[in-house]
Amino acid sequence: MNKYLKPLSEARKTAKQQREPLFEYCELHAQFDVLPGQFHWAATHADTPMPAARLVNGGRKWYAMSEVRLWWEAIGGRDFACSKHTERNRVYQQRYKAARAAKSLLTDEITMTA
């Protein structure tokens, strides 16, 4: 064998090492530990547009994690994705607790008068 040529197995190894794994859009939320709806809200409402898909096949899109991670940090990450939902959930919990407290007071009054 020629001393300047690499065996085919060595050439394949270097090509595989250079490739970056791609993630489907529906898998990205798990990488950032947010809910699917929170990730979608961040992707559609962020001032900075989400990076373009590296591979598109029909309706399925695959993204490079290095590009998406930079975008995620630029928009504020989990704080940006969860901020609106956190506020909504906090208001809901306050209303729910207030309604439960009012209902228990009403129930106590009814049982005392009966």
N, C-alpha and C. Protein backbone atom coordinates (compact mmCIF):
# COMPACT_ATOMS: atom_id res chain seq x y z
N MET A 1 0.84 -1.18 0.00
CA MET A 1 0.00 0.00 0.00
C MET A 1 0.89 1.24 0.00
N ASN A 2 0.42 2.24 -0.66
CA ASN A 2 1.17 3.48 -0.76
C ASN A 2 1.22 4.15 0.61
N LYS A 3 2.37 4.67 0.99
CA LYS A 3 2.51 5.26 2.32
C LYS A 3 1.79 6.60 2.45
N TYR A 4 1.37 7.21 1.34
CA TYR A 4 0.68 8.49 1.39
C TYR A 4 -0.84 8.36 1.39
N LEU A 5 -1.35 7.19 1.14
CA LEU A 5 -2.79 6.98 1.11
C LEU A 5 -3.25 6.36 2.42
N LYS A 6 -4.35 6.86 2.94
CA LYS A 6 -4.93 6.29 4.16
C LYS A 6 -5.83 5.12 3.78
N PRO A 7 -5.90 4.13 4.61
CA PRO A 7 -6.87 3.06 4.35
C PRO A 7 -8.28 3.64 4.42
N LEU A 8 -9.21 3.01 3.75
CA LEU A 8 -10.59 3.50 3.67
C LEU A 8 -11.22 3.57 5.05
N SER A 9 -10.91 2.65 5.93
CA SER A 9 -11.49 2.67 7.28
C SER A 9 -11.05 3.92 8.05
N GLU A 10 -9.82 4.37 7.87
CA GLU A 10 -9.34 5.58 8.52
C GLU A 10 -10.04 6.82 7.96
N ALA A 11 -10.25 6.86 6.67
CA ALA A 11 -10.94 8.00 6.06
C ALA A 11 -12.37 8.09 6.56
N ARG A 12 -13.03 6.97 6.74
CA ARG A 12 -14.40 6.97 7.25
C ARG A 12 -14.46 7.46 8.69
N LYS A 13 -13.50 7.08 9.50
CA LYS A 13 -13.49 7.51 10.90
C LYS A 13 -13.40 9.02 11.01
N THR A 14 -12.52 9.64 10.22
CA THR A 14 -12.38 11.09 10.32
C THR A 14 -13.63 11.80 9.82
N ALA A 15 -14.28 11.26 8.81
CA ALA A 15 -15.50 11.87 8.29
C ALA A 15 -16.62 11.78 9.32
N LYS A 16 -16.71 10.67 10.03
CA LYS A 16 -17.76 10.52 11.04
C LYS A 16 -17.52 11.43 12.24
N GLN A 17 -16.26 11.66 12.58
CA GLN A 17 -15.96 12.51 13.73
C GLN A 17 -16.29 13.97 13.46
N GLN A 18 -16.27 14.39 12.21
CA GLN A 18 -16.50 15.78 11.89
C GLN A 18 -17.98 16.12 11.86
N ARG A 19 -18.84 15.14 11.68
CA ARG A 19 -20.27 15.42 11.60
C ARG A 19 -20.86 15.72 12.96
N GLU A 20 -21.78 16.65 12.97
CA GLU A 20 -22.47 17.03 14.20
C GLU A 20 -23.85 16.38 14.21
N PRO A 21 -24.28 15.83 15.34
CA PRO A 21 -25.61 15.24 15.36
C PRO A 21 -26.69 16.30 15.17
N LEU A 22 -27.71 15.97 14.42
CA LEU A 22 -28.82 16.87 14.18
C LEU A 22 -30.01 16.44 15.01
N PHE A 23 -30.80 17.41 15.44
CA PHE A 23 -31.98 17.14 16.26
C PHE A 23 -33.22 17.63 15.53
N GLU A 24 -34.27 16.84 15.61
CA GLU A 24 -35.53 17.24 15.01
C GLU A 24 -36.16 18.34 15.88
N TYR A 25 -37.01 19.15 15.26
CA TYR A 25 -37.62 20.28 15.98
C TYR A 25 -38.33 19.80 17.24
N CYS A 26 -39.03 18.67 17.13
CA CYS A 26 -39.79 18.18 18.29
C CYS A 26 -38.89 17.61 19.38
N GLU A 27 -37.60 17.44 19.13
CA GLU A 27 -36.67 16.94 20.14
C GLU A 27 -35.90 18.05 20.85
N LEU A 28 -35.94 19.25 20.32
CA LEU A 28 -35.12 20.33 20.87
C LEU A 28 -35.53 20.74 22.27
N HIS A 29 -36.82 20.70 22.57
CA HIS A 29 -37.27 21.15 23.90
C HIS A 29 -36.66 20.30 25.01
N ALA A 30 -36.47 19.02 24.76
CA ALA A 30 -35.89 18.15 25.78
C ALA A 30 -34.43 18.51 26.04
N GLN A 31 -33.73 19.01 25.05
CA GLN A 31 -32.33 19.39 25.24
C GLN A 31 -32.19 20.60 26.16
N PHE A 32 -33.22 21.45 26.19
CA PHE A 32 -33.18 22.67 27.01
C PHE A 32 -34.04 22.56 28.26
N ASP A 33 -34.63 21.41 28.49
CA ASP A 33 -35.41 21.14 29.70
C ASP A 33 -36.59 22.11 29.86
N VAL A 34 -37.35 22.30 28.77
CA VAL A 34 -38.57 23.08 28.80
C VAL A 34 -39.68 22.26 28.15
N LEU A 35 -40.91 22.68 28.34
CA LEU A 35 -42.03 21.99 27.72
C LEU A 35 -42.08 22.31 26.23
N PRO A 36 -42.69 21.43 25.43
CA PRO A 36 -42.75 21.69 23.99
C PRO A 36 -43.42 23.02 23.64
N GLY A 37 -44.48 23.36 24.34
CA GLY A 37 -45.16 24.62 24.07
C GLY A 37 -44.32 25.82 24.44
N GLN A 38 -43.54 25.71 25.49
CA GLN A 38 -42.67 26.81 25.89
C GLN A 38 -41.57 27.03 24.86
N PHE A 39 -41.02 25.93 24.34
CA PHE A 39 -39.99 26.08 23.32
C PHE A 39 -40.57 26.67 22.04
N HIS A 40 -41.75 26.21 21.65
CA HIS A 40 -42.38 26.73 20.44
C HIS A 40 -42.72 28.21 20.60
N TRP A 41 -43.19 28.60 21.78
CA TRP A 41 -43.49 30.01 22.02
C TRP A 41 -42.22 30.85 21.90
N ALA A 42 -41.12 30.36 22.47
CA ALA A 42 -39.85 31.09 22.39
C ALA A 42 -39.37 31.18 20.94
N ALA A 43 -39.55 30.10 20.17
CA ALA A 43 -39.09 30.10 18.78
C ALA A 43 -39.90 31.05 17.91
N THR A 44 -41.17 31.23 18.22
CA THR A 44 -42.02 32.07 17.39
C THR A 44 -42.10 33.51 17.87
N HIS A 45 -41.79 33.80 19.13
CA HIS A 45 -41.94 35.15 19.67
C HIS A 45 -40.64 35.86 19.97
N ALA A 46 -39.51 35.21 19.78
CA ALA A 46 -38.22 35.84 20.08
C ALA A 46 -37.89 36.90 19.03
N ASP A 47 -37.21 37.96 19.47
CA ASP A 47 -36.78 39.01 18.54
C ASP A 47 -35.74 38.47 17.56
N THR A 48 -34.86 37.60 18.04
CA THR A 48 -33.85 36.98 17.18
C THR A 48 -34.47 35.74 16.55
N PRO A 49 -34.46 35.64 15.22
CA PRO A 49 -35.06 34.46 14.59
C PRO A 49 -34.26 33.19 14.88
N MET A 50 -34.97 32.10 14.92
CA MET A 50 -34.34 30.80 15.15
C MET A 50 -33.48 30.45 13.93
N PRO A 51 -32.33 29.80 14.14
CA PRO A 51 -31.48 29.46 13.00
C PRO A 51 -32.20 28.53 12.02
N ALA A 52 -31.77 28.60 10.77
CA ALA A 52 -32.39 27.78 9.73
C ALA A 52 -32.06 26.31 9.94
N ALA A 53 -32.96 25.47 9.48
CA ALA A 53 -32.76 24.03 9.61
C ALA A 53 -31.62 23.59 8.69
N ARG A 54 -30.83 22.65 9.17
CA ARG A 54 -29.73 22.13 8.36
C ARG A 54 -30.24 21.15 7.32
N LEU A 55 -31.30 20.42 7.66
CA LEU A 55 -31.82 19.39 6.77
C LEU A 55 -33.33 19.45 6.80
N VAL A 56 -33.96 19.47 5.64
CA VAL A 56 -35.41 19.49 5.53
C VAL A 56 -35.82 18.35 4.63
N ASN A 57 -36.74 17.53 5.11
CA ASN A 57 -37.24 16.42 4.32
C ASN A 57 -38.75 16.39 4.49
N GLY A 58 -39.45 16.92 3.53
CA GLY A 58 -40.90 17.01 3.66
C GLY A 58 -41.24 18.04 4.73
N GLY A 59 -42.01 17.62 5.73
CA GLY A 59 -42.38 18.52 6.82
C GLY A 59 -41.44 18.43 8.01
N ARG A 60 -40.49 17.51 7.96
CA ARG A 60 -39.58 17.31 9.08
C ARG A 60 -38.32 18.15 8.89
N LYS A 61 -37.88 18.76 10.00
CA LYS A 61 -36.69 19.62 9.95
C LYS A 61 -35.72 19.20 11.04
N TRP A 62 -34.43 19.22 10.72
CA TRP A 62 -33.40 18.89 11.66
C TRP A 62 -32.47 20.08 11.83
N TYR A 63 -32.10 20.35 13.08
CA TYR A 63 -31.29 21.52 13.42
C TYR A 63 -29.98 21.10 14.06
N ALA A 64 -28.94 21.89 13.83
CA ALA A 64 -27.64 21.67 14.47
C ALA A 64 -27.70 22.26 15.87
N MET A 65 -27.31 21.48 16.86
CA MET A 65 -27.42 21.92 18.24
C MET A 65 -26.49 23.09 18.53
N SER A 66 -25.34 23.17 17.88
CA SER A 66 -24.42 24.28 18.14
C SER A 66 -25.07 25.62 17.77
N GLU A 67 -25.79 25.66 16.65
CA GLU A 67 -26.45 26.90 16.23
C GLU A 67 -27.64 27.23 17.12
N VAL A 68 -28.42 26.21 17.46
CA VAL A 68 -29.61 26.42 18.28
C VAL A 68 -29.22 26.84 19.69
N ARG A 69 -28.13 26.28 20.20
CA ARG A 69 -27.68 26.64 21.56
C ARG A 69 -27.25 28.10 21.62
N LEU A 70 -26.55 28.58 20.59
CA LEU A 70 -26.17 30.00 20.55
C LEU A 70 -27.39 30.90 20.50
N TRP A 71 -28.39 30.51 19.71
CA TRP A 71 -29.65 31.28 19.63
C TRP A 71 -30.37 31.27 20.97
N TRP A 72 -30.40 30.11 21.62
CA TRP A 72 -31.08 29.96 22.91
C TRP A 72 -30.46 30.88 23.96
N GLU A 73 -29.13 30.96 23.98
CA GLU A 73 -28.45 31.85 24.92
C GLU A 73 -28.69 33.32 24.58
N ALA A 74 -28.78 33.63 23.29
CA ALA A 74 -28.99 35.02 22.86
C ALA A 74 -30.37 35.54 23.25
N ILE A 75 -31.39 34.69 23.23
CA ILE A 75 -32.73 35.16 23.57
C ILE A 75 -33.00 35.17 25.07
N GLY A 76 -32.15 34.53 25.83
CA GLY A 76 -32.35 34.51 27.28
C GLY A 76 -32.69 33.14 27.81
N GLY A 77 -32.79 32.16 26.95
CA GLY A 77 -32.98 30.78 27.34
C GLY A 77 -34.27 30.50 28.09
N ARG A 78 -34.14 29.74 29.14
CA ARG A 78 -35.29 29.27 29.92
C ARG A 78 -36.07 30.44 30.54
N ASP A 79 -35.38 31.49 30.94
CA ASP A 79 -36.08 32.64 31.52
C ASP A 79 -37.04 33.27 30.53
N PHE A 80 -36.62 33.39 29.27
CA PHE A 80 -37.49 33.96 28.24
C PHE A 80 -38.64 33.01 27.90
N ALA A 81 -38.34 31.72 27.78
CA ALA A 81 -39.36 30.75 27.36
C ALA A 81 -40.43 30.54 28.42
N CYS A 82 -40.05 30.62 29.68
CA CYS A 82 -40.99 30.29 30.75
C CYS A 82 -41.58 31.51 31.43
N SER A 83 -41.13 32.71 31.12
CA SER A 83 -41.56 33.88 31.87
C SER A 83 -43.06 34.12 31.77
N LYS A 84 -43.62 34.06 30.58
CA LYS A 84 -45.03 34.33 30.41
C LYS A 84 -45.87 33.23 31.07
N HIS A 85 -45.43 32.01 30.92
CA HIS A 85 -46.17 30.89 31.51
C HIS A 85 -46.09 30.92 33.03
N THR A 86 -44.95 31.31 33.56
CA THR A 86 -44.79 31.36 35.00
C THR A 86 -45.74 32.39 35.60
N GLU A 87 -45.84 33.55 34.97
CA GLU A 87 -46.75 34.59 35.47
C GLU A 87 -48.19 34.13 35.39
N ARG A 88 -48.57 33.50 34.26
CA ARG A 88 -49.93 33.02 34.11
C ARG A 88 -50.26 31.96 35.17
N ASN A 89 -49.33 31.04 35.40
CA ASN A 89 -49.56 29.99 36.40
C ASN A 89 -49.64 30.57 37.80
N ARG A 90 -48.82 31.59 38.10
CA ARG A 90 -48.86 32.20 39.42
C ARG A 90 -50.20 32.87 39.66
N VAL A 91 -50.73 33.59 38.66
CA VAL A 91 -52.04 34.24 38.79
C VAL A 91 -53.13 33.19 38.95
N TYR A 92 -53.04 32.11 38.18
CA TYR A 92 -54.03 31.04 38.29
C TYR A 92 -54.01 30.43 39.69
N GLN A 93 -52.82 30.17 40.21
CA GLN A 93 -52.72 29.59 41.54
C GLN A 93 -53.28 30.52 42.60
N GLN A 94 -53.03 31.83 42.49
CA GLN A 94 -53.59 32.78 43.46
C GLN A 94 -55.11 32.79 43.40
N ARG A 95 -55.66 32.82 42.20
CA ARG A 95 -57.12 32.81 42.06
C ARG A 95 -57.72 31.51 42.58
N TYR A 96 -57.05 30.41 42.29
CA TYR A 96 -57.54 29.11 42.74
C TYR A 96 -57.55 29.04 44.27
N LYS A 97 -56.46 29.49 44.90
CA LYS A 97 -56.38 29.45 46.36
C LYS A 97 -57.39 30.39 46.99
N ALA A 98 -57.59 31.55 46.37
CA ALA A 98 -58.58 32.49 46.90
C ALA A 98 -59.99 31.91 46.79
N ALA A 99 -60.27 31.28 45.67
CA ALA A 99 -61.60 30.68 45.48
C ALA A 99 -61.81 29.52 46.45
N ARG A 100 -60.79 28.72 46.67
CA ARG A 100 -60.90 27.59 47.62
C ARG A 100 -61.11 28.12 49.04
N ALA A 101 -60.42 29.21 49.39
CA ALA A 101 -60.58 29.78 50.73
C ALA A 101 -61.99 30.32 50.90
N ALA A 102 -62.51 31.00 49.88
CA ALA A 102 -63.86 31.55 49.95
C ALA A 102 -64.88 30.42 50.02
N LYS A 103 -64.66 29.36 49.28
CA LYS A 103 -65.58 28.23 49.30
C LYS A 103 -65.58 27.55 50.66
N SER A 104 -64.41 27.43 51.27
CA SER A 104 -64.35 26.79 52.58
C SER A 104 -65.02 27.66 53.64
N LEU A 105 -64.90 28.99 53.53
CA LEU A 105 -65.59 29.88 54.47
C LEU A 105 -67.11 29.73 54.32
N LEU A 106 -67.57 29.68 53.06
CA LEU A 106 -69.00 29.52 52.81
C LEU A 106 -69.49 28.18 53.34
N THR A 107 -68.71 27.14 53.14
CA THR A 107 -69.09 25.82 53.64
C THR A 107 -69.14 25.81 55.16
N ASP A 108 -68.18 26.48 55.80
CA ASP A 108 -68.17 26.56 57.28
C ASP A 108 -69.41 27.29 57.79
N GLU A 109 -69.82 28.37 57.11
CA GLU A 109 -71.01 29.12 57.53
C GLU A 109 -72.28 28.28 57.37
N ILE A 110 -72.34 27.54 56.29
CA ILE A 110 -73.52 26.71 56.05
C ILE A 110 -73.63 25.61 57.10
N THR A 111 -72.52 24.98 57.42
CA THR A 111 -72.56 23.90 58.42
C THR A 111 -72.83 24.43 59.82
N MET A 112 -72.42 25.67 60.12
CA MET A 112 -72.67 26.23 61.45
C MET A 112 -74.13 26.64 61.60
N THR A 113 -74.76 27.09 60.54
CA THR A 113 -76.15 27.52 60.64
C THR A 113 -77.11 26.35 60.56
N ALA A 114 -76.68 25.24 60.06
CA ALA A 114 -77.59 24.09 59.92
C ALA A 114 -77.81 23.36 61.19
